[in-house]
Amino acid sequence: MNKIKAFFREVKIETKKVVFPGKGELIDSTKIVILFVVVFAVFLGVVDFGLSKIVQNLVK
């Protein structure tokens, strides 16, 4: 039981050290993530389309 109490005590101490991002930093990070996801989705879509055309031509 003492180990469990010590664990939660340490968790509380470590939680006080956490620095949360401000509103502006959070919004900027979100924009970057959304942009990356869109760019990556378009890239994968183009690669998928290209590969499907290649496979279609090979099957014919």
N, C-alpha and C. Protein backbone atom coordinates (compact mmCIF):
# COMPACT_ATOMS: atom_id res chain seq x y z
N MET A 1 0.83 -1.19 0.00
CA MET A 1 0.00 0.00 0.00
C MET A 1 0.87 1.25 0.00
N ASN A 2 2.03 1.17 0.65
CA ASN A 2 2.92 2.33 0.68
C ASN A 2 3.47 2.66 -0.70
N LYS A 3 3.70 1.62 -1.51
CA LYS A 3 4.20 1.86 -2.86
C LYS A 3 3.17 2.61 -3.70
N ILE A 4 1.91 2.28 -3.50
CA ILE A 4 0.84 2.95 -4.25
C ILE A 4 0.75 4.41 -3.83
N LYS A 5 0.82 4.67 -2.55
CA LYS A 5 0.78 6.05 -2.06
C LYS A 5 1.98 6.84 -2.57
N ALA A 6 3.15 6.22 -2.56
CA ALA A 6 4.35 6.89 -3.06
C ALA A 6 4.22 7.19 -4.55
N PHE A 7 3.65 6.25 -5.29
CA PHE A 7 3.46 6.46 -6.72
C PHE A 7 2.58 7.68 -6.97
N PHE A 8 1.44 7.77 -6.30
CA PHE A 8 0.54 8.89 -6.52
C PHE A 8 1.13 10.20 -6.01
N ARG A 9 1.93 10.15 -5.00
CA ARG A 9 2.63 11.33 -4.51
C ARG A 9 3.60 11.85 -5.57
N GLU A 10 4.33 10.93 -6.19
CA GLU A 10 5.26 11.30 -7.24
C GLU A 10 4.54 11.81 -8.49
N VAL A 11 3.39 11.21 -8.78
CA VAL A 11 2.59 11.67 -9.91
C VAL A 11 2.16 13.11 -9.68
N LYS A 12 1.73 13.42 -8.48
CA LYS A 12 1.30 14.78 -8.14
C LYS A 12 2.46 15.77 -8.29
N ILE A 13 3.64 15.39 -7.85
CA ILE A 13 4.82 16.25 -7.96
C ILE A 13 5.16 16.49 -9.43
N GLU A 14 5.14 15.42 -10.23
CA GLU A 14 5.48 15.54 -11.65
C GLU A 14 4.43 16.35 -12.40
N THR A 15 3.17 16.23 -12.01
CA THR A 15 2.10 16.98 -12.67
C THR A 15 2.28 18.48 -12.48
N LYS A 16 2.82 18.88 -11.35
CA LYS A 16 3.06 20.31 -11.11
C LYS A 16 4.15 20.87 -12.02
N LYS A 17 5.00 20.01 -12.57
CA LYS A 17 6.08 20.45 -13.45
C LYS A 17 5.62 20.64 -14.89
N VAL A 18 4.43 20.16 -15.22
CA VAL A 18 3.93 20.22 -16.59
C VAL A 18 3.61 21.66 -16.96
N VAL A 19 4.04 22.05 -18.17
CA VAL A 19 3.73 23.38 -18.69
C VAL A 19 2.80 23.19 -19.87
N PHE A 20 1.58 23.67 -19.74
CA PHE A 20 0.60 23.53 -20.80
C PHE A 20 0.75 24.67 -21.79
N PRO A 21 0.51 24.41 -23.10
CA PRO A 21 0.65 25.47 -24.10
C PRO A 21 -0.46 26.51 -23.95
N GLY A 22 -0.13 27.72 -24.37
CA GLY A 22 -1.13 28.78 -24.35
C GLY A 22 -2.10 28.62 -25.51
N LYS A 23 -3.11 29.45 -25.54
CA LYS A 23 -4.15 29.35 -26.56
C LYS A 23 -3.56 29.55 -27.95
N GLY A 24 -2.70 30.53 -28.12
CA GLY A 24 -2.11 30.81 -29.43
C GLY A 24 -1.26 29.66 -29.93
N GLU A 25 -0.43 29.12 -29.05
CA GLU A 25 0.44 28.00 -29.43
C GLU A 25 -0.40 26.77 -29.77
N LEU A 26 -1.46 26.55 -29.03
CA LEU A 26 -2.34 25.41 -29.29
C LEU A 26 -3.03 25.54 -30.64
N ILE A 27 -3.49 26.73 -30.96
CA ILE A 27 -4.16 26.97 -32.25
C ILE A 27 -3.17 26.78 -33.40
N ASP A 28 -1.96 27.33 -33.25
CA ASP A 28 -0.94 27.18 -34.30
C ASP A 28 -0.57 25.71 -34.52
N SER A 29 -0.41 24.97 -33.44
CA SER A 29 -0.08 23.55 -33.55
C SER A 29 -1.21 22.79 -34.23
N THR A 30 -2.43 23.12 -33.91
CA THR A 30 -3.59 22.47 -34.52
C THR A 30 -3.63 22.73 -36.02
N LYS A 31 -3.35 23.97 -36.42
CA LYS A 31 -3.33 24.32 -37.84
C LYS A 31 -2.26 23.52 -38.58
N ILE A 32 -1.10 23.39 -37.97
CA ILE A 32 -0.01 22.64 -38.59
C ILE A 32 -0.39 21.17 -38.76
N VAL A 33 -1.01 20.60 -37.74
CA VAL A 33 -1.42 19.19 -37.81
C VAL A 33 -2.47 18.98 -38.90
N ILE A 34 -3.45 19.87 -38.95
CA ILE A 34 -4.50 19.75 -39.97
C ILE A 34 -3.90 19.89 -41.37
N LEU A 35 -3.00 20.85 -41.56
CA LEU A 35 -2.35 21.04 -42.86
C LEU A 35 -1.56 19.79 -43.25
N PHE A 36 -0.80 19.24 -42.31
CA PHE A 36 -0.03 18.04 -42.59
C PHE A 36 -0.93 16.88 -42.98
N VAL A 37 -2.03 16.71 -42.29
CA VAL A 37 -2.96 15.61 -42.58
C VAL A 37 -3.55 15.78 -43.98
N VAL A 38 -3.92 16.99 -44.34
CA VAL A 38 -4.50 17.24 -45.66
C VAL A 38 -3.46 16.96 -46.75
N VAL A 39 -2.24 17.48 -46.58
CA VAL A 39 -1.18 17.26 -47.57
C VAL A 39 -0.88 15.78 -47.70
N PHE A 40 -0.78 15.08 -46.60
CA PHE A 40 -0.48 13.64 -46.64
C PHE A 40 -1.62 12.86 -47.28
N ALA A 41 -2.87 13.26 -47.01
CA ALA A 41 -4.02 12.58 -47.61
C ALA A 41 -4.02 12.77 -49.12
N VAL A 42 -3.71 13.98 -49.58
CA VAL A 42 -3.65 14.24 -51.02
C VAL A 42 -2.53 13.42 -51.65
N PHE A 43 -1.38 13.39 -50.99
CA PHE A 43 -0.25 12.60 -51.49
C PHE A 43 -0.63 11.12 -51.63
N LEU A 44 -1.23 10.56 -50.59
CA LEU A 44 -1.64 9.16 -50.64
C LEU A 44 -2.70 8.93 -51.70
N GLY A 45 -3.60 9.88 -51.88
CA GLY A 45 -4.62 9.76 -52.92
C GLY A 45 -4.00 9.72 -54.30
N VAL A 46 -3.01 10.58 -54.56
CA VAL A 46 -2.33 10.62 -55.86
C VAL A 46 -1.56 9.31 -56.08
N VAL A 47 -0.85 8.84 -55.07
CA VAL A 47 -0.11 7.59 -55.19
C VAL A 47 -1.07 6.43 -55.44
N ASP A 48 -2.17 6.38 -54.73
CA ASP A 48 -3.15 5.31 -54.91
C ASP A 48 -3.73 5.34 -56.31
N PHE A 49 -4.07 6.54 -56.78
CA PHE A 49 -4.63 6.68 -58.13
C PHE A 49 -3.62 6.21 -59.17
N GLY A 50 -2.37 6.63 -59.02
CA GLY A 50 -1.33 6.24 -59.96
C GLY A 50 -1.09 4.74 -59.97
N LEU A 51 -1.00 4.15 -58.79
CA LEU A 51 -0.79 2.71 -58.71
C LEU A 51 -1.97 1.93 -59.27
N SER A 52 -3.19 2.41 -59.05
CA SER A 52 -4.36 1.71 -59.58
C SER A 52 -4.37 1.78 -61.10
N LYS A 53 -3.95 2.88 -61.68
CA LYS A 53 -3.86 2.99 -63.14
C LYS A 53 -2.80 2.04 -63.69
N ILE A 54 -1.67 1.94 -63.00
CA ILE A 54 -0.61 1.02 -63.43
C ILE A 54 -1.11 -0.42 -63.38
N VAL A 55 -1.78 -0.79 -62.31
CA VAL A 55 -2.31 -2.16 -62.19
C VAL A 55 -3.37 -2.42 -63.24
N GLN A 56 -4.23 -1.46 -63.52
CA GLN A 56 -5.25 -1.63 -64.56
C GLN A 56 -4.60 -1.87 -65.92
N ASN A 57 -3.53 -1.14 -66.22
CA ASN A 57 -2.85 -1.31 -67.50
C ASN A 57 -2.13 -2.66 -67.57
N LEU A 58 -1.64 -3.15 -66.46
CA LEU A 58 -0.98 -4.46 -66.46
C LEU A 58 -1.98 -5.59 -66.61
N VAL A 59 -3.17 -5.42 -66.08
CA VAL A 59 -4.19 -6.47 -66.14
C VAL A 59 -4.76 -6.59 -67.55
N LYS A 60 -4.83 -5.48 -68.27
CA LYS A 60 -5.44 -5.49 -69.61
C LYS A 60 -4.68 -6.34 -70.56
